[in-house]
Amino acid sequence: MSDSAYDLLQQARGLIQERRSAAAVSLLERAKELEPGRGSILEALGIAYYNSGRPELAMREFEEALEVDPTNHYARYGFSRCLYRRGMLQRAIGQVKLAVVMAPEMEIYEEALQRYQRDLYPNGERQDLEG
């Protein structure tokens, strides 16, 4: 088994695809030690933490990924999911709106935006949050 950060990342992505995120975490933590500040590793670690029921750790990784690359739309979406899970709906909406603008072809982002807005405004009484 190779110990390069790239190989660890690829193995971990395979585990995430197989819905074995908890197993992917240790590989990604090792990859992060080898290459701290690598956006792809931070994003994957955020996904693995989130999917294994550790949203607080996921949030930290997504935030760090966004510090590395503010245009990482999937990290922004993941960050919004963590905010949503914490009940921070307005912030989650703001983050997922940015993801929608960055990657309008990603239907999952628009679906999340609609879900968050429905939860924030269950009776449809949306107001302009800007300003």
Protein backbone atom coordinates (compact mmCIF):
# COMPACT_ATOMS: atom_id res chain seq x y z
CA MET A 1 0.00 0.00 0.00
CA SER A 2 1.47 3.30 -1.10
CA ASP A 3 1.83 6.17 1.29
CA SER A 4 1.72 9.04 -1.20
CA ALA A 5 -0.97 11.60 -0.45
CA TYR A 6 -2.37 11.14 -3.95
CA ASP A 7 -2.69 7.37 -3.56
CA LEU A 8 -4.28 7.75 -0.13
CA LEU A 9 -6.75 10.26 -1.56
CA GLN A 10 -7.68 7.94 -4.43
CA GLN A 11 -8.16 4.99 -2.08
CA ALA A 12 -10.28 7.13 0.24
CA ARG A 13 -12.44 8.38 -2.63
CA GLY A 14 -13.12 4.76 -3.53
CA LEU A 15 -14.18 4.03 0.03
CA ILE A 16 -16.46 7.08 0.06
CA GLN A 17 -18.06 5.86 -3.17
CA GLU A 18 -18.62 2.49 -1.49
CA ARG A 19 -20.26 4.33 1.42
CA ARG A 20 -17.41 3.40 3.75
CA SER A 21 -16.63 6.95 4.85
CA ALA A 22 -15.47 6.02 8.34
CA ALA A 23 -12.76 3.84 6.78
CA ALA A 24 -11.81 6.70 4.44
CA VAL A 25 -11.20 9.10 7.34
CA SER A 26 -7.94 7.50 8.51
CA LEU A 27 -6.54 7.46 4.97
CA LEU A 28 -7.45 11.10 4.46
CA GLU A 29 -6.03 12.14 7.82
CA ARG A 30 -2.74 10.54 6.77
CA ALA A 31 -2.91 12.25 3.38
CA LYS A 32 -3.51 15.59 5.13
CA GLU A 33 -0.43 15.03 7.30
CA LEU A 34 1.62 14.44 4.14
CA GLU A 35 0.18 17.41 2.26
CA PRO A 36 -1.47 19.91 4.58
CA GLY A 37 -3.38 22.61 2.77
CA ARG A 38 -4.24 20.48 -0.26
CA GLY A 39 -7.81 21.47 -1.15
CA SER A 40 -8.82 18.13 -2.66
CA ILE A 41 -7.77 16.30 0.49
CA LEU A 42 -9.55 18.78 2.76
CA GLU A 43 -12.74 18.51 0.70
CA ALA A 44 -12.67 14.70 0.73
CA LEU A 45 -11.96 14.67 4.47
CA GLY A 46 -14.93 16.99 5.01
CA ILE A 47 -17.13 14.61 3.03
CA ALA A 48 -15.84 11.58 4.94
CA TYR A 49 -16.36 13.24 8.32
CA TYR A 50 -19.84 14.41 7.37
CA ASN A 51 -20.91 11.03 6.04
CA SER A 52 -19.57 9.28 9.11
CA GLY A 53 -21.65 11.46 11.46
CA ARG A 54 -19.00 14.00 12.48
CA PRO A 55 -20.39 17.28 11.12
CA GLU A 56 -18.34 19.54 13.41
CA LEU A 57 -15.10 18.08 12.07
CA ALA A 58 -16.53 18.20 8.55
CA MET A 59 -17.30 21.89 8.94
CA ARG A 60 -13.71 22.60 9.94
CA GLU A 61 -12.36 20.77 6.89
CA PHE A 62 -14.76 22.49 4.49
CA GLU A 63 -13.83 25.88 5.96
CA GLU A 64 -10.15 25.09 5.55
CA ALA A 65 -10.76 23.95 1.96
CA LEU A 66 -12.47 27.27 1.28
CA GLU A 67 -9.51 29.16 2.73
CA VAL A 68 -7.30 27.33 0.23
CA ASP A 69 -9.72 27.85 -2.67
CA PRO A 70 -12.77 30.10 -2.18
CA THR A 71 -14.10 28.96 -5.57
CA ASN A 72 -14.42 25.32 -4.48
CA HIS A 73 -18.16 25.05 -4.99
CA TYR A 74 -18.45 21.54 -3.55
CA ALA A 75 -16.67 22.56 -0.34
CA ARG A 76 -19.05 25.52 -0.15
CA TYR A 77 -22.01 23.16 -0.58
CA GLY A 78 -20.59 20.83 2.09
CA PHE A 79 -20.08 23.79 4.41
CA SER A 80 -23.72 24.76 3.83
CA ARG A 81 -24.82 21.24 4.76
CA CYS A 82 -22.93 21.52 8.05
CA LEU A 83 -24.48 24.91 8.79
CA TYR A 84 -27.92 23.55 7.95
CA ARG A 85 -27.40 20.61 10.26
CA ARG A 86 -26.54 23.04 13.07
CA GLY A 87 -29.75 24.97 12.43
CA MET A 88 -27.94 27.98 10.97
CA LEU A 89 -30.36 28.24 8.05
CA GLN A 90 -29.66 31.79 6.91
CA ARG A 91 -25.91 31.17 6.74
CA ALA A 92 -26.52 27.84 5.01
CA ILE A 93 -28.67 29.58 2.42
CA GLY A 94 -25.97 32.18 1.79
CA GLN A 95 -23.32 29.52 1.26
CA VAL A 96 -25.40 27.31 -1.00
CA LYS A 97 -26.46 30.35 -3.06
CA LEU A 98 -22.78 30.95 -3.76
CA ALA A 99 -22.36 27.31 -4.77
CA VAL A 100 -25.35 27.63 -7.15
CA VAL A 101 -23.80 30.70 -8.78
CA MET A 102 -20.40 29.00 -9.10
CA ALA A 103 -21.78 25.79 -10.58
CA PRO A 104 -25.34 26.27 -11.86
CA GLU A 105 -25.22 22.88 -13.59
CA MET A 106 -25.12 21.12 -10.21
CA GLU A 107 -28.79 20.40 -9.54
CA ILE A 108 -28.05 19.17 -6.02
CA TYR A 109 -27.09 22.73 -5.01
CA GLU A 110 -30.38 24.22 -6.24
CA GLU A 111 -32.29 21.40 -4.54
CA ALA A 112 -30.49 22.13 -1.26
CA LEU A 113 -31.24 25.85 -1.61
CA GLN A 114 -34.93 25.14 -2.09
CA ARG A 115 -34.98 22.74 0.90
CA TYR A 116 -33.21 25.25 3.17
CA GLN A 117 -35.57 28.04 2.11
CA ARG A 118 -38.63 25.82 2.72
CA ASP A 119 -37.32 25.06 6.21
CA LEU A 120 -36.58 28.70 6.97
CA TYR A 121 -39.88 29.90 5.54
CA PRO A 122 -42.33 27.00 5.98
CA ASN A 123 -45.35 29.16 5.06
CA GLY A 124 -43.66 30.69 2.04
CA GLU A 125 -43.26 34.13 3.63
CA ARG A 126 -39.76 34.70 2.24
CA GLN A 127 -38.28 38.12 2.71
CA ASP A 128 -35.24 39.76 1.21
CA LEU A 129 -32.36 38.85 3.53
CA GLU A 130 -29.89 41.23 1.94
CA GLY A 131 -29.08 44.59 3.33
